[in-house]
C-alpha atoms as a PDB file:
ATOM      1  CA  UNK A   1      39.247  95.771  99.156  1.00  0.00           C
ATOM      2  CA  UNK A   2      36.113  95.518 101.279  1.00  0.00           C
ATOM      3  CA  UNK A   3      38.171  95.303 104.481  1.00  0.00           C
ATOM      4  CA  UNK A   4      40.064  98.458 103.571  1.00  0.00           C
ATOM      5  CA  UNK A   5      36.806 100.301 102.947  1.00  0.00           C
ATOM      6  CA  UNK A   6      35.348  99.160 106.289  1.00  0.00           C
ATOM      7  CA  UNK A   7      38.542 100.112 108.161  1.00  0.00           C
ATOM      8  CA  UNK A   8      38.592 103.515 106.489  1.00  0.00           C
ATOM      9  CA  UNK A   9      34.966 104.178 107.463  1.00  0.00           C
ATOM     10  CA  UNK A  10      35.667 103.077 111.039  1.00  0.00           C
ATOM     11  CA  UNK A  11      38.726 105.321 111.279  1.00  0.00           C
ATOM     12  CA  UNK A  12      36.821 108.345 109.953  1.00  0.00           C
ATOM     13  CA  UNK A  13      33.963 107.807 112.401  1.00  0.00           C
ATOM     14  CA  UNK A  14      36.404 107.474 115.334  1.00  0.00           C
ATOM     15  CA  UNK A  15      38.155 110.657 114.249  1.00  0.00           C
ATOM     16  CA  UNK A  16      34.830 112.515 114.226  1.00  0.00           C
ATOM     17  CA  UNK A  17      33.934 111.094 117.643  1.00  0.00           C
ATOM     18  CA  UNK A  18      37.275 112.206 119.059  1.00  0.00           C
ATOM     19  CA  UNK A  19      36.772 115.765 117.812  1.00  0.00           C
ATOM     20  CA  UNK A  20      33.234 115.869 119.256  1.00  0.00           C
ATOM     21  CA  UNK A  21      34.543 114.628 122.588  1.00  0.00           C
ATOM     22  CA  UNK A  22      37.264 117.309 122.572  1.00  0.00           C
ATOM     23  CA  UNK A  23      34.695 119.957 121.736  1.00  0.00           C
ATOM     24  CA  UNK A  24      32.369 118.858 124.534  1.00  0.00           C
ATOM     25  CA  UNK A  25      35.226 118.881 127.070  1.00  0.00           C
ATOM     26  CA  UNK A  26      36.365 122.328 125.980  1.00  0.00           C
ATOM     27  CA  UNK A  27      32.820 123.679 126.210  1.00  0.00           C
ATOM     28  CA  UNK A  28      32.491 122.339 129.760  1.00  0.00           C
ATOM     29  CA  UNK A  29      35.893 123.797 130.663  1.00  0.00           C
ATOM     30  CA  UNK A  30      34.832 127.154 129.235  1.00  0.00           C
ATOM     31  CA  UNK A  31      31.762 127.317 131.467  1.00  0.00           C
ATOM     32  CA  UNK A  32      33.798 126.894 134.663  1.00  0.00           C
ATOM     33  CA  UNK A  33      36.851 129.036 133.849  1.00  0.00           C
ATOM     34  CA  UNK A  34      37.570 132.324 135.569  1.00  0.00           C
ATOM     35  CA  UNK A  35      37.245 135.429 133.419  1.00  0.00           C
ATOM     36  CA  UNK A  36      40.858 135.747 132.309  1.00  0.00           C
ATOM     37  CA  UNK A  37      43.129 134.950 129.379  1.00  0.00           C
ATOM     38  CA  UNK A  38      42.723 131.185 129.867  1.00  0.00           C
ATOM     39  CA  UNK A  39      39.012 131.550 129.084  1.00  0.00           C
ATOM     40  CA  UNK A  40      39.890 133.349 125.839  1.00  0.00           C
ATOM     41  CA  UNK A  41      42.416 130.613 124.980  1.00  0.00           C
ATOM     42  CA  UNK A  42      39.750 127.932 125.535  1.00  0.00           C
ATOM     43  CA  UNK A  43      37.389 129.887 123.270  1.00  0.00           C
ATOM     44  CA  UNK A  44      40.119 129.988 120.621  1.00  0.00           C
ATOM     45  CA  UNK A  45      40.536 126.205 120.804  1.00  0.00           C
ATOM     46  CA  UNK A  46      36.777 125.783 120.316  1.00  0.00           C
ATOM     47  CA  UNK A  47      36.818 128.227 117.402  1.00  0.00           C
ATOM     48  CA  UNK A  48      39.664 126.280 115.772  1.00  0.00           C
ATOM     49  CA  UNK A  49      37.743 123.004 116.069  1.00  0.00           C
ATOM     50  CA  UNK A  50      34.629 124.560 114.515  1.00  0.00           C
ATOM     51  CA  UNK A  51      36.762 126.132 111.771  1.00  0.00           C
ATOM     52  CA  UNK A  52      38.380 122.789 110.947  1.00  0.00           C
ATOM     53  CA  UNK A  53      34.914 121.206 110.792  1.00  0.00           C
ATOM     54  CA  UNK A  54      33.710 123.986 108.436  1.00  0.00           C
ATOM     55  CA  UNK A  55      31.118 125.028 111.052  1.00  0.00           C
ATOM     56  CA  UNK A  56      31.718 128.707 110.413  1.00  0.00           C
ATOM     57  CA  UNK A  57      28.491 130.035 111.920  1.00  0.00           C
ATOM     58  CA  UNK A  58      29.189 128.249 115.207  1.00  0.00           C
ATOM     59  CA  UNK A  59      32.753 129.509 115.169  1.00  0.00           C
ATOM     60  CA  UNK A  60      31.512 133.074 114.664  1.00  0.00           C
ATOM     61  CA  UNK A  61      29.342 132.810 117.779  1.00  0.00           C
ATOM     62  CA  UNK A  62      32.384 131.902 119.868  1.00  0.00           C
ATOM     63  CA  UNK A  63      34.388 134.597 118.113  1.00  0.00           C
ATOM     64  CA  UNK A  64      31.921 137.236 119.327  1.00  0.00           C
ATOM     65  CA  UNK A  65      32.351 135.982 122.892  1.00  0.00           C
ATOM     66  CA  UNK A  66      36.135 135.798 122.614  1.00  0.00           C
ATOM     67  CA  UNK A  67      36.346 139.249 121.059  1.00  0.00           C
ATOM     68  CA  UNK A  68      34.261 140.877 123.809  1.00  0.00           C
ATOM     69  CA  UNK A  69      36.143 139.070 126.562  1.00  0.00           C
ATOM     70  CA  UNK A  70      39.556 139.937 125.089  1.00  0.00           C
ATOM     71  CA  UNK A  71      38.616 143.610 124.943  1.00  0.00           C
ATOM     72  CA  UNK A  72      37.205 143.556 128.485  1.00  0.00           C
ATOM     73  CA  UNK A  73      40.344 142.071 130.037  1.00  0.00           C
ATOM     74  CA  UNK A  74      42.660 143.924 127.615  1.00  0.00           C
ATOM     75  CA  UNK A  75      44.173 140.711 126.253  1.00  0.00           C
ATOM     76  CA  UNK A  76      45.607 141.955 122.947  1.00  0.00           C
ATOM     77  CA  UNK A  77      47.167 138.627 121.940  1.00  0.00           C
ATOM     78  CA  UNK A  78      43.799 136.882 122.321  1.00  0.00           C
ATOM     79  CA  UNK A  79      42.044 139.666 120.415  1.00  0.00           C
ATOM     80  CA  UNK A  80      44.606 139.504 117.610  1.00  0.00           C
ATOM     81  CA  UNK A  81      44.157 135.735 117.266  1.00  0.00           C
ATOM     82  CA  UNK A  82      40.369 136.076 117.422  1.00  0.00           C
ATOM     83  CA  UNK A  83      40.380 138.673 114.638  1.00  0.00           C
ATOM     84  CA  UNK A  84      42.715 136.475 112.574  1.00  0.00           C
ATOM     85  CA  UNK A  85      40.315 133.541 112.860  1.00  0.00           C
ATOM     86  CA  UNK A  86      37.406 135.842 112.028  1.00  0.00           C
ATOM     87  CA  UNK A  87      39.262 136.957 108.907  1.00  0.00           C
ATOM     88  CA  UNK A  88      39.926 133.330 107.909  1.00  0.00           C
ATOM     89  CA  UNK A  89      36.217 132.542 108.165  1.00  0.00           C
ATOM     90  CA  UNK A  90      35.120 135.570 106.151  1.00  0.00           C
ATOM     91  CA  UNK A  91      37.745 134.709 103.564  1.00  0.00           C
ATOM     92  CA  UNK A  92      36.317 131.163 103.313  1.00  0.00           C
ATOM     93  CA  UNK A  93      32.834 132.687 102.974  1.00  0.00           C
ATOM     94  CA  UNK A  94      34.282 134.835 100.148  1.00  0.00           C
ATOM     95  CA  UNK A  95      33.491 138.080 101.967  1.00  0.00           C
ATOM     96  CA  UNK A  96      36.890 139.431 101.040  1.00  0.00           C
ATOM     97  CA  UNK A  97      36.410 143.073 102.074  1.00  0.00           C
ATOM     98  CA  UNK A  98      35.428 142.048 105.602  1.00  0.00           C
ATOM     99  CA  UNK A  99      38.296 139.557 105.740  1.00  0.00           C
ATOM    100  CA  UNK A 100      40.809 142.228 104.694  1.00  0.00           C
ATOM    101  CA  UNK A 101      39.557 144.505 107.476  1.00  0.00           C
ATOM    102  CA  UNK A 102      39.940 141.809 110.142  1.00  0.00           C
ATOM    103  CA  UNK A 103      43.357 140.716 108.831  1.00  0.00           C
ATOM    104  CA  UNK A 104      44.492 144.341 108.913  1.00  0.00           C
ATOM    105  CA  UNK A 105      43.297 144.873 112.482  1.00  0.00           C
ATOM    106  CA  UNK A 106      44.880 141.599 113.611  1.00  0.00           C
ATOM    107  CA  UNK A 107      48.143 142.575 111.913  1.00  0.00           C
ATOM    108  CA  UNK A 108      48.063 145.957 113.689  1.00  0.00           C
ATOM    109  CA  UNK A 109      47.750 144.220 117.068  1.00  0.00           C
ATOM    110  CA  UNK A 110      50.493 141.706 116.288  1.00  0.00           C
ATOM    111  CA  UNK A 111      52.727 144.602 115.210  1.00  0.00           C
ATOM    112  CA  UNK A 112      52.200 146.228 118.617  1.00  0.00           C
ATOM    113  CA  UNK A 113      53.017 142.868 120.242  1.00  0.00           C
ATOM    114  CA  UNK A 114      56.093 142.550 117.965  1.00  0.00           C
ATOM    115  CA  UNK A 115      54.996 139.047 116.881  1.00  0.00           C
ATOM    116  CA  UNK A 116      56.738 138.676 113.526  1.00  0.00           C
ATOM    117  CA  UNK A 117      55.662 135.063 113.033  1.00  0.00           C
ATOM    118  CA  UNK A 118      51.955 135.889 113.083  1.00  0.00           C
ATOM    119  CA  UNK A 119      52.533 139.012 110.996  1.00  0.00           C
ATOM    120  CA  UNK A 120      54.118 136.783 108.329  1.00  0.00           C
ATOM    121  CA  UNK A 121      51.119 134.434 108.354  1.00  0.00           C
ATOM    122  CA  UNK A 122      48.726 137.352 108.101  1.00  0.00           C
ATOM    123  CA  UNK A 123      50.677 138.999 105.260  1.00  0.00           C
ATOM    124  CA  UNK A 124      50.490 135.785 103.278  1.00  0.00           C
ATOM    125  CA  UNK A 125      46.745 135.307 103.800  1.00  0.00           C
ATOM    126  CA  UNK A 126      46.053 139.040 103.432  1.00  0.00           C
ATOM    127  CA  UNK A 127      47.839 139.116 100.092  1.00  0.00           C
ATOM    128  CA  UNK A 128      45.822 136.207  98.743  1.00  0.00           C
ATOM    129  CA  UNK A 129      42.576 137.743  99.996  1.00  0.00           C
ATOM    130  CA  UNK A 130      43.364 141.127  98.420  1.00  0.00           C
ATOM    131  CA  UNK A 131      44.113 139.407  95.116  1.00  0.00           C
ATOM    132  CA  UNK A 132      40.775 137.552  95.274  1.00  0.00           C
ATOM    133  CA  UNK A 133      39.081 140.901  96.009  1.00  0.00           C
ATOM    134  CA  UNK A 134      40.679 142.375  92.873  1.00  0.00           C
ATOM    135  CA  UNK A 135      43.433 144.492  94.461  1.00  0.00           C
ATOM    136  CA  UNK A 136      46.259 142.706  92.654  1.00  0.00           C
ATOM    137  CA  UNK A 137      49.117 145.139  93.258  1.00  0.00           C
ATOM    138  CA  UNK A 138      48.607 145.408  97.039  1.00  0.00           C
ATOM    139  CA  UNK A 139      47.885 141.686  97.229  1.00  0.00           C
ATOM    140  CA  UNK A 140      51.119 140.713  95.534  1.00  0.00           C
ATOM    141  CA  UNK A 141      53.127 143.027  97.783  1.00  0.00           C
ATOM    142  CA  UNK A 142      51.586 141.503 100.935  1.00  0.00           C
ATOM    143  CA  UNK A 143      51.859 137.940  99.630  1.00  0.00           C
ATOM    144  CA  UNK A 144      55.527 138.310  98.700  1.00  0.00           C
ATOM    145  CA  UNK A 145      56.289 139.920 102.052  1.00  0.00           C
ATOM    146  CA  UNK A 146      54.599 137.028 103.809  1.00  0.00           C
ATOM    147  CA  UNK A 147      56.402 134.438 101.706  1.00  0.00           C
ATOM    148  CA  UNK A 148      59.790 135.963 102.485  1.00  0.00           C
ATOM    149  CA  UNK A 149      59.077 135.954 106.218  1.00  0.00           C
ATOM    150  CA  UNK A 150      57.668 132.404 106.130  1.00  0.00           C
ATOM    151  CA  UNK A 151      60.773 131.169 104.302  1.00  0.00           C
ATOM    152  CA  UNK A 152      62.971 132.720 106.974  1.00  0.00           C
ATOM    153  CA  UNK A 153      60.922 131.017 109.725  1.00  0.00           C
ATOM    154  CA  UNK A 154      60.791 127.705 107.772  1.00  0.00           C
ATOM    155  CA  UNK A 155      56.989 127.342 108.147  1.00  0.00           C
ATOM    156  CA  UNK A 156      56.399 124.790 105.421  1.00  0.00           C
ATOM    157  CA  UNK A 157      52.585 124.422 105.698  1.00  0.00           C
ATOM    158  CA  UNK A 158      51.956 128.161 105.569  1.00  0.00           C
ATOM    159  CA  UNK A 159      54.566 128.535 102.870  1.00  0.00           C
ATOM    160  CA  UNK A 160      52.915 125.824 100.755  1.00  0.00           C
ATOM    161  CA  UNK A 161      49.571 127.656 101.054  1.00  0.00           C
ATOM    162  CA  UNK A 162      51.189 130.941 100.022  1.00  0.00           C
ATOM    163  CA  UNK A 163      52.938 129.414  96.990  1.00  0.00           C
ATOM    164  CA  UNK A 164      49.798 127.573  95.948  1.00  0.00           C
ATOM    165  CA  UNK A 165      47.786 130.759  95.885  1.00  0.00           C
END
């Protein structure tokens, strides 16, 4: 039993070290990248790592940078993803009205880009967020729309989240 506990602790610490190493490398890469879509994509990777580590305030700092850069270079896909991540964070912080606004703007951009997969993910999360904010009717409509699209695309993880909520 003691060996299992020690091995588990060692594994968890190595996992944390690996994520820190990835984050450091991405931050260095970000500093030396040209101002183009690859810089936005690197920012998005950093934001995802901070989001997964529940470091929302750090993620929001990179989101500001990514949002400004995406607008400057007119990179709508990067802006849409940035706004989606921003909405996820505000949803986690239980600032549902702000989250709904960012989900809606992200969905608008993905609609222009004709990206049905990301629209489905947003509809699912948007529905849940609207329900948590008290707008049950609109929330159920969005959630069911998202679920139907996720079933068609066979996205099991997103579908499990939608059904759970």
